């Protein structure tokens, strides 16, 4: 699956089921997609419960089922 299949507003959860902080669920929403200077496509994610929590990951990583799963 190509990283082009990740779109804005997609939601993902960690494949390991980890929690963020004090029990905040790890549902992450894609708020931005961009190409890095290294030629890799990245996704900026915001936690669905606590919007102060953000992370940036390679878009392809979101489609790796050993790392993330679609939250639906």
Protein backbone atom coordinates (compact mmCIF):
# COMPACT_ATOMS: atom_id res chain seq x y z
CA UNK A 1 0.00 0.00 0.00
CA UNK A 2 1.46 3.37 -0.98
CA UNK A 3 1.68 6.30 1.42
CA UNK A 4 -0.60 8.20 -1.00
CA UNK A 5 -3.50 6.30 0.61
CA UNK A 6 -3.17 8.36 3.80
CA UNK A 7 -5.53 11.35 3.66
CA UNK A 8 -6.39 14.29 5.87
CA UNK A 9 -8.69 13.44 8.77
CA UNK A 10 -7.76 9.72 8.70
CA UNK A 11 -7.60 8.31 12.23
CA UNK A 12 -5.09 5.77 13.47
CA UNK A 13 -4.29 3.91 16.68
CA UNK A 14 -1.03 2.36 17.74
CA UNK A 15 -0.83 -1.32 16.85
CA UNK A 16 0.64 -1.96 20.30
CA UNK A 17 -2.40 -0.43 22.02
CA UNK A 18 -0.27 1.96 24.03
CA UNK A 19 -1.79 4.85 25.92
CA UNK A 20 -0.58 8.44 25.90
CA UNK A 21 -0.01 10.25 29.18
CA UNK A 22 -2.47 9.46 31.97
CA UNK A 23 -4.87 7.11 30.22
CA UNK A 24 -5.46 9.25 27.12
CA UNK A 25 -6.32 6.91 24.29
CA UNK A 26 -3.92 6.77 21.41
CA UNK A 27 -6.28 7.80 18.60
CA UNK A 28 -4.41 10.09 16.23
CA UNK A 29 -5.95 12.25 13.48
CA UNK A 30 -4.02 13.31 10.35
CA UNK A 31 -4.09 17.11 10.16
CA UNK A 32 -1.33 17.74 7.61
CA UNK A 33 0.55 15.86 4.91
CA UNK A 34 3.82 17.19 3.53
CA UNK A 35 6.98 16.16 1.71
CA UNK A 36 10.11 16.44 3.82
CA UNK A 37 13.43 17.73 2.54
CA UNK A 38 14.57 14.10 2.49
CA UNK A 39 11.90 13.24 -0.11
CA UNK A 40 9.77 11.28 2.39
CA UNK A 41 6.02 11.97 2.72
CA UNK A 42 5.10 12.81 6.33
CA UNK A 43 1.88 13.08 8.29
CA UNK A 44 1.38 15.45 11.19
CA UNK A 45 -0.93 13.86 13.77
CA UNK A 46 -2.98 15.33 16.60
CA UNK A 47 -4.36 13.26 19.45
CA UNK A 48 -8.15 13.02 19.16
CA UNK A 49 -8.68 13.51 22.91
CA UNK A 50 -5.91 15.96 23.82
CA UNK A 51 -5.12 18.25 20.88
CA UNK A 52 -2.01 19.56 22.65
CA UNK A 53 -0.38 16.18 21.85
CA UNK A 54 1.09 16.02 18.35
CA UNK A 55 3.54 13.86 16.46
CA UNK A 56 4.98 13.62 12.97
CA UNK A 57 5.57 10.26 11.32
CA UNK A 58 6.32 9.00 7.83
CA UNK A 59 3.00 8.47 6.05
CA UNK A 60 4.14 4.99 5.04
CA UNK A 61 4.53 4.09 8.74
CA UNK A 62 0.79 4.72 9.25
CA UNK A 63 0.07 1.96 6.74
CA UNK A 64 2.44 -0.53 8.39
CA UNK A 65 0.05 -2.76 10.36
CA UNK A 66 2.81 -3.65 12.82
CA UNK A 67 2.91 0.05 13.84
CA UNK A 68 -0.58 1.54 13.30
CA UNK A 69 -4.16 0.52 12.49
CA UNK A 70 -7.01 2.58 11.05
CA UNK A 71 -9.29 3.73 13.85
CA UNK A 72 -12.30 3.80 11.54
